Structure formats: C-alpha cells, structure tokens
Amino acid sequence: MADTDGFFTRNSVVGVYFGTLFMMASLVHISGGINLMQSKDHKKANLAMINTFIAGVGGALGTYLFRWFLMSLINKSDNQFMNEVTFDQQWKKKNYDSLKKKTFYMNIYSNFDPFLICRGVIAGMVSVSLNPSSFYSIFALLNGLIAGVIYVYSLKIFKTMKLDDTIHSSNVHGIVSLYALLSICFFHKEEGFFFNDIYLSLFDDEVNEN
C-alpha cells in the first residue's frame, strides 16, 4: 500500500479488526481455562472471562480518551504556531508539517485511529491477565482504562527514545504487563492494598471516632 501521508499506514484496517478479534477470543478463553484448571470453580472461570472482556472495553475507552486529549494539545500547539507564521514564511509551515509526519507515533491526520484503539483493547485485557477473577468487575474496567492511558503514553516515550516497534507489541505486552504486576497488588479483591484489613481499618477508626 502506497504511503501517501508520510505516516506508516497499516495495510488493512479489516485485517487489524479481525486480528484483534482473534486475540480477544484467545485471551478470554485462556483466562477462563487457566482459572478453571487452578480453582476447579466454574464461577471463577466465568468471572475471569467476563473481567477480561470488560478490561478490554476499558482499554479501548482509555486509549480513545487519552488520544483525544493529546490531539487537543497538538491542535492547540499547531494553531498557535500557524498564527505566528507570516505570509512570507510559508516554508516554515511545510517544514513543520513534514516534521510532524516523521516524528509522531499515531496518525494525527485522522479523527479515529483504528489500529491504536484495537491495540488499546488488547492492552486492557493484558492489564488483568495475571488473575482476572481476583478483580471486581468495576475495577477490571478501571484497570483497562488505566492500561489504555499507559499504552498511549508509552508510545510517546518510545518515540522520544527513538525505539521502533511498528506493531506496538512491546508497549502492549511489555509495558502494560509491568502495570499488571502492580495493579493486582492494589486491586485484588481480597488481598489488594485497597481491600485488605489494614487499609479498611483506617476508615473504621475514622467512623468510630466520629
């Protein structure tokens, strides 16, 4: 496929969608299967599959919202720059536009980036992959949301460090996996930091004092 906009365009949007669907199906069933093997509990296996899917929804939402936020900053900066350029300095606009095409990590010429959103779905699922049944569903969604933001921001860091990963696998399966290690420490519904007896006792003490 010819590169007409200076940004690496994926060969097939349909291929991206189907690839994401296959990956989603794999992660959902792997999560349920592992939980069923370990716990022999069908309810936990079902919860694992549901939470994995919900986290994927959160990942897509986090990716979309954070991309929208970054795009608003980019457009604001663009408008400020373009207003400062005089008529006899039009070459600056061309150079600036060319530089943007070469240095950005997402398609800034589209209101919707299918590849980024689809990778955000996978990032959300990865964020709960350690043990999806150990999260309340609302926190699985929150995990996915945070993972989507981390995924997009990690692209910016990779670009700054001049690290090239065209399909973003290091960001989705590497950086987000590190977050997954932390998230289960905070949001595990029985032993996580926000749900253990020590943390909850702080609120009990405040209630008793009042």
N, C-alpha and C. Protein backbone atom coordinates (compact mmCIF):
# COMPACT_ATOMS: atom_id res chain seq x y z
N MET A 1 0.85 -1.20 0.00
CA MET A 1 0.00 0.00 0.00
C MET A 1 0.88 1.24 0.00
N ALA A 2 0.62 2.17 -0.89
CA ALA A 2 1.45 3.36 -1.01
C ALA A 2 1.31 4.24 0.22
N ASP A 3 2.43 4.83 0.63
CA ASP A 3 2.43 5.73 1.78
C ASP A 3 2.22 7.14 1.27
N THR A 4 1.01 7.64 1.35
CA THR A 4 0.68 8.94 0.75
C THR A 4 0.65 10.08 1.77
N ASP A 5 0.64 9.76 3.06
CA ASP A 5 0.53 10.83 4.05
C ASP A 5 1.76 10.97 4.94
N GLY A 6 2.82 10.22 4.65
CA GLY A 6 4.04 10.33 5.43
C GLY A 6 3.99 9.56 6.73
N PHE A 7 2.85 8.98 7.05
CA PHE A 7 2.71 8.20 8.27
C PHE A 7 2.55 6.74 7.89
N PHE A 8 3.18 5.83 8.66
CA PHE A 8 3.08 4.42 8.33
C PHE A 8 1.64 3.96 8.47
N THR A 9 1.00 3.66 7.35
CA THR A 9 -0.39 3.23 7.34
C THR A 9 -0.44 1.70 7.30
N ARG A 10 -1.21 1.10 8.19
CA ARG A 10 -1.32 -0.35 8.21
C ARG A 10 -1.99 -0.83 6.92
N ASN A 11 -1.61 -1.99 6.46
CA ASN A 11 -2.05 -2.45 5.16
C ASN A 11 -3.55 -2.66 5.07
N SER A 12 -4.17 -3.10 6.13
CA SER A 12 -5.59 -3.43 6.05
C SER A 12 -6.26 -3.17 7.39
N VAL A 13 -7.20 -2.23 7.41
CA VAL A 13 -7.95 -1.95 8.63
C VAL A 13 -8.79 -3.16 9.00
N VAL A 14 -9.35 -3.82 7.98
CA VAL A 14 -10.15 -5.03 8.22
C VAL A 14 -9.28 -6.10 8.87
N GLY A 15 -8.04 -6.22 8.40
CA GLY A 15 -7.11 -7.18 8.99
C GLY A 15 -6.81 -6.88 10.44
N VAL A 16 -6.70 -5.58 10.74
CA VAL A 16 -6.47 -5.16 12.13
C VAL A 16 -7.65 -5.56 13.00
N TYR A 17 -8.87 -5.34 12.51
CA TYR A 17 -10.07 -5.70 13.28
C TYR A 17 -10.15 -7.20 13.52
N PHE A 18 -9.93 -7.99 12.46
CA PHE A 18 -10.02 -9.44 12.61
C PHE A 18 -8.91 -9.97 13.51
N GLY A 19 -7.71 -9.42 13.38
CA GLY A 19 -6.60 -9.83 14.24
C GLY A 19 -6.90 -9.56 15.70
N THR A 20 -7.51 -8.40 15.96
CA THR A 20 -7.88 -8.05 17.34
C THR A 20 -8.96 -8.98 17.87
N LEU A 21 -9.94 -9.32 17.04
CA LEU A 21 -11.00 -10.24 17.46
C LEU A 21 -10.43 -11.62 17.82
N PHE A 22 -9.49 -12.11 17.01
CA PHE A 22 -8.87 -13.40 17.30
C PHE A 22 -8.07 -13.33 18.61
N MET A 23 -7.37 -12.22 18.79
CA MET A 23 -6.58 -12.06 20.01
C MET A 23 -7.49 -11.95 21.23
N MET A 24 -8.59 -11.23 21.10
CA MET A 24 -9.55 -11.12 22.19
C MET A 24 -10.11 -12.48 22.58
N ALA A 25 -10.51 -13.24 21.57
CA ALA A 25 -11.08 -14.57 21.83
C ALA A 25 -10.05 -15.47 22.53
N SER A 26 -8.80 -15.37 22.09
CA SER A 26 -7.73 -16.18 22.70
C SER A 26 -7.53 -15.82 24.16
N LEU A 27 -7.42 -14.51 24.45
CA LEU A 27 -7.16 -14.07 25.82
C LEU A 27 -8.32 -14.40 26.75
N VAL A 28 -9.55 -14.23 26.25
CA VAL A 28 -10.72 -14.53 27.08
C VAL A 28 -10.76 -16.02 27.44
N HIS A 29 -10.54 -16.87 26.46
CA HIS A 29 -10.63 -18.31 26.72
C HIS A 29 -9.42 -18.82 27.51
N ILE A 30 -8.25 -18.24 27.28
CA ILE A 30 -7.08 -18.63 28.07
C ILE A 30 -7.29 -18.28 29.53
N SER A 31 -7.82 -17.07 29.79
CA SER A 31 -8.08 -16.64 31.17
C SER A 31 -9.05 -17.59 31.86
N GLY A 32 -10.15 -17.90 31.17
CA GLY A 32 -11.13 -18.81 31.76
C GLY A 32 -10.58 -20.21 31.95
N GLY A 33 -9.80 -20.70 30.99
CA GLY A 33 -9.25 -22.04 31.08
C GLY A 33 -8.25 -22.19 32.21
N ILE A 34 -7.37 -21.21 32.37
CA ILE A 34 -6.37 -21.27 33.44
C ILE A 34 -7.04 -21.23 34.81
N ASN A 35 -8.04 -20.35 34.96
CA ASN A 35 -8.76 -20.27 36.24
C ASN A 35 -9.50 -21.56 36.54
N LEU A 36 -10.07 -22.17 35.53
CA LEU A 36 -10.80 -23.42 35.73
C LEU A 36 -9.86 -24.55 36.14
N MET A 37 -8.68 -24.58 35.54
CA MET A 37 -7.69 -25.61 35.88
C MET A 37 -7.18 -25.44 37.30
N GLN A 38 -6.98 -24.17 37.72
CA GLN A 38 -6.40 -23.92 39.04
C GLN A 38 -7.42 -24.05 40.16
N SER A 39 -8.63 -23.55 39.94
CA SER A 39 -9.60 -23.48 41.03
C SER A 39 -10.68 -24.57 40.96
N LYS A 40 -10.85 -25.17 39.77
CA LYS A 40 -11.94 -26.14 39.56
C LYS A 40 -13.31 -25.53 39.84
N ASP A 41 -13.37 -24.21 39.74
CA ASP A 41 -14.60 -23.48 40.05
C ASP A 41 -15.10 -22.80 38.77
N HIS A 42 -16.26 -23.23 38.29
CA HIS A 42 -16.80 -22.69 37.05
C HIS A 42 -17.19 -21.21 37.19
N LYS A 43 -17.61 -20.80 38.39
CA LYS A 43 -17.98 -19.40 38.60
C LYS A 43 -16.76 -18.49 38.45
N LYS A 44 -15.63 -18.92 39.01
CA LYS A 44 -14.40 -18.13 38.89
C LYS A 44 -13.94 -18.07 37.44
N ALA A 45 -14.08 -19.18 36.74
CA ALA A 45 -13.69 -19.21 35.33
C ALA A 45 -14.55 -18.26 34.51
N ASN A 46 -15.85 -18.27 34.80
CA ASN A 46 -16.76 -17.35 34.10
C ASN A 46 -16.45 -15.90 34.42
N LEU A 47 -16.15 -15.63 35.70
CA LEU A 47 -15.81 -14.26 36.11
C LEU A 47 -14.52 -13.81 35.43
N ALA A 48 -13.56 -14.71 35.31
CA ALA A 48 -12.29 -14.39 34.66
C ALA A 48 -12.52 -13.98 33.20
N MET A 49 -13.37 -14.71 32.52
CA MET A 49 -13.66 -14.40 31.12
C MET A 49 -14.39 -13.07 30.99
N ILE A 50 -15.34 -12.83 31.89
CA ILE A 50 -16.10 -11.57 31.85
C ILE A 50 -15.19 -10.38 32.15
N ASN A 51 -14.36 -10.51 33.18
CA ASN A 51 -13.48 -9.41 33.56
C ASN A 51 -12.44 -9.12 32.48
N THR A 52 -11.97 -10.15 31.81
CA THR A 52 -11.01 -9.94 30.73
C THR A 52 -11.64 -9.12 29.61
N PHE A 53 -12.88 -9.47 29.28
CA PHE A 53 -13.59 -8.73 28.23
C PHE A 53 -13.87 -7.29 28.67
N ILE A 54 -14.30 -7.12 29.92
CA ILE A 54 -14.60 -5.77 30.43
C ILE A 54 -13.33 -4.91 30.44
N ALA A 55 -12.21 -5.51 30.82
CA ALA A 55 -10.94 -4.76 30.83
C ALA A 55 -10.57 -4.32 29.42
N GLY A 56 -10.88 -5.15 28.42
CA GLY A 56 -10.64 -4.77 27.04
C GLY A 56 -11.45 -3.55 26.63
N VAL A 57 -12.70 -3.50 27.09
CA VAL A 57 -13.56 -2.33 26.83
C VAL A 57 -12.94 -1.08 27.47
N GLY A 58 -12.46 -1.25 28.72
CA GLY A 58 -11.80 -0.13 29.40
C GLY A 58 -10.55 0.32 28.68
N GLY A 59 -9.79 -0.64 28.14
CA GLY A 59 -8.59 -0.31 27.40
C GLY A 59 -8.88 0.53 26.16
N ALA A 60 -9.93 0.13 25.43
CA ALA A 60 -10.32 0.90 24.24
C ALA A 60 -10.76 2.31 24.63
N LEU A 61 -11.52 2.42 25.73
CA LEU A 61 -12.01 3.72 26.19
C LEU A 61 -10.85 4.61 26.64
N GLY A 62 -9.92 4.03 27.42
CA GLY A 62 -8.77 4.80 27.89
C GLY A 62 -7.90 5.28 26.75
N THR A 63 -7.69 4.41 25.76
CA THR A 63 -6.89 4.77 24.60
C THR A 63 -7.54 5.90 23.81
N TYR A 64 -8.83 5.76 23.58
CA TYR A 64 -9.55 6.79 22.80
C TYR A 64 -9.53 8.14 23.51
N LEU A 65 -9.84 8.13 24.81
CA LEU A 65 -9.92 9.39 25.55
C LEU A 65 -8.56 10.07 25.67
N PHE A 66 -7.51 9.28 25.94
CA PHE A 66 -6.18 9.88 26.10
C PHE A 66 -5.65 10.36 24.75
N ARG A 67 -5.95 9.63 23.68
CA ARG A 67 -5.57 10.09 22.34
C ARG A 67 -6.29 11.40 22.02
N TRP A 68 -7.57 11.48 22.36
CA TRP A 68 -8.33 12.71 22.13
C TRP A 68 -7.70 13.88 22.91
N PHE A 69 -7.28 13.62 24.14
CA PHE A 69 -6.64 14.66 24.95
C PHE A 69 -5.33 15.12 24.31
N LEU A 70 -4.50 14.17 23.87
CA LEU A 70 -3.23 14.52 23.24
C LEU A 70 -3.46 15.27 21.94
N MET A 71 -4.47 14.85 21.17
CA MET A 71 -4.77 15.52 19.91
C MET A 71 -5.21 16.96 20.14
N SER A 72 -5.95 17.20 21.22
CA SER A 72 -6.37 18.57 21.52
C SER A 72 -5.16 19.45 21.83
N LEU A 73 -4.17 18.89 22.52
CA LEU A 73 -2.94 19.64 22.80
C LEU A 73 -2.16 19.91 21.52
N ILE A 74 -2.10 18.88 20.66
CA ILE A 74 -1.37 19.03 19.39
C ILE A 74 -2.02 20.10 18.53
N ASN A 75 -3.34 20.05 18.42
CA ASN A 75 -4.05 21.03 17.59
C ASN A 75 -3.90 22.44 18.14
N LYS A 76 -3.90 22.57 19.46
CA LYS A 76 -3.71 23.89 20.08
C LYS A 76 -2.33 24.43 19.75
N SER A 77 -1.33 23.56 19.84
CA SER A 77 0.04 23.96 19.52
C SER A 77 0.16 24.32 18.04
N ASP A 78 -0.51 23.55 17.18
CA ASP A 78 -0.48 23.82 15.74
C ASP A 78 -1.06 25.18 15.43
N ASN A 79 -2.21 25.46 16.00
CA ASN A 79 -2.88 26.74 15.73
C ASN A 79 -2.04 27.91 16.19
N GLN A 80 -1.39 27.75 17.34
CA GLN A 80 -0.54 28.83 17.85
C GLN A 80 0.64 29.06 16.92
N PHE A 81 1.23 27.97 16.43
CA PHE A 81 2.38 28.09 15.53
C PHE A 81 1.97 28.72 14.20
N MET A 82 0.86 28.23 13.65
CA MET A 82 0.42 28.73 12.34
C MET A 82 0.05 30.21 12.39
N ASN A 83 -0.49 30.65 13.51
CA ASN A 83 -0.86 32.07 13.65
C ASN A 83 0.37 32.97 13.73
N GLU A 84 1.47 32.41 14.20
CA GLU A 84 2.69 33.20 14.34
C GLU A 84 3.48 33.29 13.04
N VAL A 85 3.22 32.37 12.11
CA VAL A 85 3.95 32.35 10.84
C VAL A 85 3.35 33.38 9.89
N THR A 86 4.18 34.26 9.37
CA THR A 86 3.71 35.28 8.43
C THR A 86 3.62 34.71 7.02
N PHE A 87 3.04 35.50 6.11
CA PHE A 87 2.80 35.02 4.75
C PHE A 87 4.11 34.68 4.02
N ASP A 88 5.15 35.45 4.27
CA ASP A 88 6.43 35.21 3.58
C ASP A 88 7.26 34.11 4.27
N GLN A 89 6.68 33.45 5.26
CA GLN A 89 7.39 32.35 5.94
C GLN A 89 6.62 31.03 5.78
N GLN A 90 5.97 30.88 4.62
CA GLN A 90 5.17 29.67 4.39
C GLN A 90 6.02 28.40 4.40
N TRP A 91 7.28 28.53 4.10
CA TRP A 91 8.17 27.36 4.11
C TRP A 91 8.26 26.74 5.49
N LYS A 92 8.08 27.56 6.52
CA LYS A 92 8.11 27.04 7.90
C LYS A 92 6.94 26.09 8.14
N LYS A 93 5.78 26.43 7.55
CA LYS A 93 4.62 25.56 7.71
C LYS A 93 4.87 24.20 7.07
N LYS A 94 5.47 24.21 5.87
CA LYS A 94 5.74 22.96 5.17
C LYS A 94 6.75 22.11 5.94
N ASN A 95 7.78 22.75 6.46
CA ASN A 95 8.79 22.02 7.24
C ASN A 95 8.20 21.45 8.52
N TYR A 96 7.35 22.24 9.15
CA TYR A 96 6.71 21.81 10.40
C TYR A 96 5.79 20.62 10.14
N ASP A 97 5.02 20.69 9.05
CA ASP A 97 4.12 19.61 8.70
C ASP A 97 4.88 18.35 8.36
N SER A 98 5.98 18.49 7.65
CA SER A 98 6.81 17.33 7.30
C SER A 98 7.42 16.70 8.54
N LEU A 99 7.85 17.54 9.49
CA LEU A 99 8.44 17.04 10.73
C LEU A 99 7.41 16.26 11.54
N LYS A 100 6.18 16.75 11.58
CA LYS A 100 5.12 16.05 12.32
C LYS A 100 4.89 14.65 11.77
N LYS A 101 4.88 14.55 10.46
CA LYS A 101 4.64 13.25 9.83
C LYS A 101 5.70 12.24 10.22
N LYS A 102 6.92 12.70 10.37
CA LYS A 102 8.04 11.79 10.63
C LYS A 102 8.20 11.45 12.10
N THR A 103 7.70 12.29 12.97
CA THR A 103 8.01 12.13 14.39
C THR A 103 6.84 11.64 15.24
N PHE A 104 5.63 11.62 14.71
CA PHE A 104 4.51 11.23 15.55
C PHE A 104 4.30 9.73 15.54
N TYR A 105 3.81 9.22 16.66
CA TYR A 105 3.67 7.79 16.90
C TYR A 105 2.24 7.31 16.63
N MET A 106 1.36 8.22 16.23
CA MET A 106 -0.01 7.85 15.90
C MET A 106 -0.45 8.71 14.72
N ASN A 107 -1.51 8.29 14.07
CA ASN A 107 -1.99 9.01 12.89
C ASN A 107 -2.73 10.27 13.33
N ILE A 108 -2.05 11.39 13.21
CA ILE A 108 -2.62 12.66 13.68
C ILE A 108 -3.52 13.30 12.62
N TYR A 109 -3.64 12.66 11.46
CA TYR A 109 -4.47 13.21 10.38
C TYR A 109 -5.82 12.52 10.30
N SER A 110 -6.15 11.76 11.32
CA SER A 110 -7.43 11.06 11.35
C SER A 110 -8.08 11.28 12.71
N ASN A 111 -9.40 11.47 12.71
CA ASN A 111 -10.12 11.64 13.97
C ASN A 111 -10.24 10.33 14.74
N PHE A 112 -10.07 9.23 14.04
CA PHE A 112 -10.20 7.91 14.66
C PHE A 112 -9.08 7.03 14.14
N ASP A 113 -8.28 6.46 15.04
CA ASP A 113 -7.16 5.61 14.66
C ASP A 113 -7.51 4.16 15.02
N PRO A 114 -7.98 3.37 14.06
CA PRO A 114 -8.44 2.00 14.37
C PRO A 114 -7.35 1.13 14.98
N PHE A 115 -6.13 1.25 14.46
CA PHE A 115 -5.05 0.41 14.97
C PHE A 115 -4.79 0.71 16.44
N LEU A 116 -4.75 1.98 16.79
CA LEU A 116 -4.46 2.38 18.17
C LEU A 116 -5.57 1.88 19.12
N ILE A 117 -6.82 2.02 18.70
CA ILE A 117 -7.94 1.58 19.53
C ILE A 117 -7.90 0.07 19.73
N CYS A 118 -7.63 -0.66 18.65
CA CYS A 118 -7.59 -2.13 18.74
C CYS A 118 -6.46 -2.60 19.64
N ARG A 119 -5.32 -1.95 19.55
CA ARG A 119 -4.21 -2.32 20.45
C ARG A 119 -4.55 -1.93 21.89
N GLY A 120 -5.34 -0.88 22.06
CA GLY A 120 -5.79 -0.50 23.39
C GLY A 120 -6.67 -1.56 24.02
N VAL A 121 -7.49 -2.22 23.20
CA VAL A 121 -8.32 -3.33 23.69
C VAL A 121 -7.45 -4.44 24.26
N ILE A 122 -6.42 -4.81 23.52
CA ILE A 122 -5.51 -5.87 23.97
C ILE A 122 -4.76 -5.43 25.22
N ALA A 123 -4.36 -4.16 25.26
CA ALA A 123 -3.66 -3.64 26.44
C ALA A 123 -4.53 -3.76 27.68
N GLY A 124 -5.81 -3.44 27.55
CA GLY A 124 -6.73 -3.57 28.67
C GLY A 124 -6.83 -5.00 29.15
N MET A 125 -6.92 -5.94 28.23
CA MET A 125 -7.01 -7.36 28.60
C MET A 125 -5.74 -7.85 29.28
N VAL A 126 -4.61 -7.39 28.80
CA VAL A 126 -3.32 -7.78 29.41
C VAL A 126 -3.22 -7.27 30.84
N SER A 127 -3.85 -6.11 31.12
CA SER A 127 -3.72 -5.50 32.45
C SER A 127 -4.34 -6.34 33.56
N VAL A 128 -5.25 -7.26 33.21
CA VAL A 128 -5.86 -8.12 34.24
C VAL A 128 -5.48 -9.59 34.03
N SER A 129 -4.51 -9.83 33.17
CA SER A 129 -4.22 -11.21 32.74
C SER A 129 -3.60 -12.09 33.83
N LEU A 130 -3.05 -11.48 34.89
CA LEU A 130 -2.42 -12.31 35.93
C LEU A 130 -3.45 -13.20 36.62
N ASN A 131 -4.59 -12.62 36.98
CA ASN A 131 -5.66 -13.41 37.59
C ASN A 131 -6.96 -12.61 37.48
N PRO A 132 -7.63 -12.68 36.35
CA PRO A 132 -8.82 -11.83 36.13
C PRO A 132 -9.94 -12.04 37.14
N SER A 133 -10.05 -13.23 37.69
CA SER A 133 -11.16 -13.49 38.62
C SER A 133 -10.93 -12.86 39.98
N SER A 134 -9.74 -12.30 40.21
CA SER A 134 -9.44 -11.70 41.51
C SER A 134 -9.83 -10.23 41.58
N PHE A 135 -10.45 -9.71 40.51
CA PHE A 135 -10.88 -8.31 40.48
C PHE A 135 -12.39 -8.22 40.52
N TYR A 136 -12.90 -7.19 41.18
CA TYR A 136 -14.29 -6.83 40.98
C TYR A 136 -14.41 -6.27 39.56
N SER A 137 -15.55 -6.49 38.93
CA SER A 137 -15.69 -6.12 37.51
C SER A 137 -15.47 -4.63 37.27
N ILE A 138 -15.91 -3.79 38.21
CA ILE A 138 -15.73 -2.35 38.05
C ILE A 138 -14.25 -1.98 38.07
N PHE A 139 -13.45 -2.72 38.85
CA PHE A 139 -12.02 -2.44 38.90
C PHE A 139 -11.29 -3.07 37.71
N ALA A 140 -11.88 -4.10 37.12
CA ALA A 140 -11.34 -4.61 35.86
C ALA A 140 -11.48 -3.55 34.77
N LEU A 141 -12.63 -2.86 34.77
CA LEU A 141 -12.84 -1.77 33.82
C LEU A 141 -11.87 -0.63 34.08
N LEU A 142 -11.68 -0.29 35.35
CA LEU A 142 -10.74 0.77 35.72
C LEU A 142 -9.32 0.40 35.32
N ASN A 143 -8.95 -0.86 35.54
CA ASN A 143 -7.63 -1.34 35.14
C ASN A 143 -7.40 -1.16 33.66
N GLY A 144 -8.41 -1.55 32.87
CA GLY A 144 -8.30 -1.41 31.42
C GLY A 144 -8.16 0.04 31.01
N LEU A 145 -8.91 0.92 31.66
CA LEU A 145 -8.85 2.35 31.37
C LEU A 145 -7.44 2.90 31.60
N ILE A 146 -6.87 2.55 32.75
CA ILE A 146 -5.51 3.00 33.07
C ILE A 146 -4.51 2.41 32.09
N ALA A 147 -4.69 1.13 31.75
CA ALA A 147 -3.77 0.48 30.81
C ALA A 147 -3.79 1.16 29.45
N GLY A 148 -4.99 1.60 29.01
CA GLY A 148 -5.07 2.32 27.74
C GLY A 148 -4.27 3.60 27.75
N VAL A 149 -4.34 4.32 28.86
CA VAL A 149 -3.58 5.58 29.00
C VAL A 149 -2.08 5.27 29.02
N ILE A 150 -1.69 4.25 29.77
CA ILE A 150 -0.27 3.88 29.85
C ILE A 150 0.25 3.47 28.49
N TYR A 151 -0.55 2.72 27.75
CA TYR A 151 -0.15 2.26 26.41
C TYR A 151 0.15 3.43 25.49
N VAL A 152 -0.77 4.40 25.43
CA VAL A 152 -0.58 5.54 24.53
C VAL A 152 0.61 6.39 24.97
N TYR A 153 0.74 6.60 26.27
CA TYR A 153 1.86 7.42 26.75
C TYR A 153 3.20 6.72 26.53
N SER A 154 3.21 5.39 26.62
CA SER A 154 4.45 4.66 26.37
C SER A 154 4.88 4.80 24.92
N LEU A 155 3.93 4.97 24.00
CA LEU A 155 4.28 5.22 22.60
C LEU A 155 5.06 6.52 22.46
N LYS A 156 4.61 7.52 23.20
CA LYS A 156 5.30 8.81 23.18
C LYS A 156 6.72 8.68 23.72
N ILE A 157 6.88 7.91 24.80
CA ILE A 157 8.21 7.70 25.38
C ILE A 157 9.11 6.94 24.41
N PHE A 158 8.57 5.89 23.78
CA PHE A 158 9.34 5.12 22.81
C PHE A 158 9.80 5.99 21.66
N LYS A 159 8.91 6.88 21.20
CA LYS A 159 9.27 7.76 20.09
C LYS A 159 10.36 8.73 20.49
N THR A 160 10.28 9.24 21.71
CA THR A 160 11.30 10.16 22.22
C THR A 160 12.65 9.46 22.31
N MET A 161 12.64 8.18 22.71
CA MET A 161 13.87 7.40 22.84
C MET A 161 14.31 6.77 21.51
N LYS A 162 13.55 7.04 20.45
CA LYS A 162 13.84 6.53 19.11
C LYS A 162 13.86 5.00 19.07
N LEU A 163 12.92 4.40 19.80
CA LEU A 163 12.74 2.95 19.76
C LEU A 163 11.63 2.63 18.78
N ASP A 164 11.91 1.75 17.85
CA ASP A 164 10.96 1.46 16.78
C ASP A 164 10.27 0.12 17.02
N ASP A 165 8.97 0.18 17.21
CA ASP A 165 8.17 -1.04 17.34
C ASP A 165 6.87 -0.79 16.57
N THR A 166 6.87 -1.18 15.32
CA THR A 166 5.78 -0.82 14.41
C THR A 166 4.42 -1.32 14.86
N ILE A 167 4.38 -2.54 15.41
CA ILE A 167 3.09 -3.11 15.80
C ILE A 167 2.79 -2.92 17.29
N HIS A 168 3.64 -2.16 17.99
CA HIS A 168 3.39 -1.78 19.38
C HIS A 168 3.32 -2.98 20.34
N SER A 169 3.95 -4.07 20.00
CA SER A 169 3.87 -5.26 20.85
C SER A 169 4.62 -5.06 22.17
N SER A 170 5.73 -4.32 22.14
CA SER A 170 6.49 -4.05 23.37
C SER A 170 5.66 -3.21 24.34
N ASN A 171 4.88 -2.30 23.79
CA ASN A 171 4.06 -1.44 24.63
C ASN A 171 2.89 -2.19 25.24
N VAL A 172 2.23 -3.00 24.40
CA VAL A 172 1.03 -3.71 24.84
C VAL A 172 1.37 -4.88 25.76
N HIS A 173 2.34 -5.68 25.36
CA HIS A 173 2.64 -6.90 26.10
C HIS A 173 3.82 -6.73 27.07
N GLY A 174 4.53 -5.63 26.97
CA GLY A 174 5.67 -5.40 27.85
C GLY A 174 5.37 -4.38 28.93
N ILE A 175 5.18 -3.13 28.51
CA ILE A 175 4.94 -2.04 29.45
C ILE A 175 3.66 -2.28 30.26
N VAL A 176 2.59 -2.67 29.57
CA VAL A 176 1.32 -2.88 30.26
C VAL A 176 1.40 -4.09 31.20
N SER A 177 2.21 -5.09 30.86
CA SER A 177 2.40 -6.24 31.75
C SER A 177 3.04 -5.82 33.07
N LEU A 178 3.94 -4.86 33.00
CA LEU A 178 4.54 -4.34 34.23
C LEU A 178 3.48 -3.66 35.10
N TYR A 179 2.58 -2.94 34.44
CA TYR A 179 1.47 -2.34 35.20
C TYR A 179 0.58 -3.41 35.80
N ALA A 180 0.38 -4.51 35.07
CA ALA A 180 -0.47 -5.60 35.57
C ALA A 180 0.07 -6.16 36.88
N LEU A 181 1.39 -6.21 37.01
CA LEU A 181 2.01 -6.69 38.26
C LEU A 181 1.66 -5.77 39.43
N LEU A 182 1.59 -4.47 39.14
CA LEU A 182 1.25 -3.51 40.20
C LEU A 182 -0.25 -3.50 40.50
N SER A 183 -1.05 -3.61 39.44
CA SER A 183 -2.49 -3.46 39.61
C SER A 183 -3.08 -4.54 40.51
N ILE A 184 -2.56 -5.76 40.37
CA ILE A 184 -3.11 -6.83 41.21
C ILE A 184 -2.74 -6.63 42.68
N CYS A 185 -1.63 -5.92 42.92
CA CYS A 185 -1.25 -5.61 44.30
C CYS A 185 -2.20 -4.58 44.92
N PHE A 186 -2.75 -3.72 44.09
CA PHE A 186 -3.64 -2.67 44.59
C PHE A 186 -5.11 -3.07 44.58
N PHE A 187 -5.53 -3.80 43.54
CA PHE A 187 -6.97 -4.01 43.32
C PHE A 187 -7.45 -5.44 43.52
N HIS A 188 -6.59 -6.32 44.00
CA HIS A 188 -7.05 -7.69 44.31
C HIS A 188 -8.16 -7.60 45.34
N LYS A 189 -9.29 -8.24 45.08
CA LYS A 189 -10.48 -8.00 45.90
C LYS A 189 -10.40 -8.60 47.30
N GLU A 190 -9.39 -9.41 47.58
CA GLU A 190 -9.24 -9.98 48.91
C GLU A 190 -7.94 -9.53 49.59
N GLU A 191 -6.86 -9.45 48.83
CA GLU A 191 -5.56 -9.15 49.41
C GLU A 191 -4.92 -7.88 48.88
N GLY A 192 -5.60 -7.18 47.98
CA GLY A 192 -5.05 -5.94 47.43
C GLY A 192 -4.95 -4.85 48.47
N PHE A 193 -4.12 -3.86 48.21
CA PHE A 193 -3.87 -2.78 49.16
C PHE A 193 -5.16 -2.06 49.56
N PHE A 194 -6.03 -1.82 48.60
CA PHE A 194 -7.26 -1.07 48.88
C PHE A 194 -8.36 -1.92 49.48
N PHE A 195 -8.12 -3.22 49.64
CA PHE A 195 -9.17 -4.10 50.15
C PHE A 195 -8.73 -4.94 51.35
N ASN A 196 -7.49 -4.77 51.80
CA ASN A 196 -7.05 -5.58 52.94
C ASN A 196 -7.53 -4.97 54.26
N ASP A 197 -7.40 -5.74 55.32
CA ASP A 197 -7.93 -5.32 56.62
C ASP A 197 -7.23 -4.09 57.17
N ILE A 198 -5.94 -3.95 56.88
CA ILE A 198 -5.18 -2.81 57.41
C ILE A 198 -5.71 -1.50 56.82
N TYR A 199 -5.93 -1.49 55.51
CA TYR A 199 -6.42 -0.28 54.84
C TYR A 199 -7.86 0.03 55.27
N LEU A 200 -8.71 -1.00 55.30
CA LEU A 200 -10.11 -0.78 55.66
C LEU A 200 -10.27 -0.37 57.11
N SER A 201 -9.34 -0.82 57.97
CA SER A 201 -9.42 -0.45 59.39
C SER A 201 -9.20 1.05 59.60
N LEU A 202 -8.50 1.70 58.68
CA LEU A 202 -8.30 3.14 58.78
C LEU A 202 -9.64 3.87 58.71
N PHE A 203 -10.51 3.40 57.83
CA PHE A 203 -11.84 4.02 57.70
C PHE A 203 -12.72 3.66 58.89
N ASP A 204 -12.56 2.43 59.40
CA ASP A 204 -13.34 2.04 60.58
C ASP A 204 -12.99 2.90 61.78
N ASP A 205 -11.70 3.20 61.94
CA ASP A 205 -11.26 4.05 63.05
C ASP A 205 -11.84 5.46 62.93
N GLU A 206 -11.88 5.98 61.69
CA GLU A 206 -12.44 7.32 61.50
C GLU A 206 -13.93 7.35 61.83
N VAL A 207 -14.63 6.30 61.42
CA VAL A 207 -16.07 6.23 61.70
C VAL A 207 -16.31 6.15 63.20
N ASN A 208 -15.52 5.35 63.90
CA ASN A 208 -15.69 5.19 65.36
C ASN A 208 -15.40 6.48 66.09
N GLU A 209 -14.39 7.23 65.61
CA GLU A 209 -14.04 8.49 66.26
C GLU A 209 -15.17 9.50 66.11
N ASN A 210 -15.83 9.47 64.96
CA ASN A 210 -16.92 10.42 64.73
C ASN A 210 -18.18 10.00 65.51
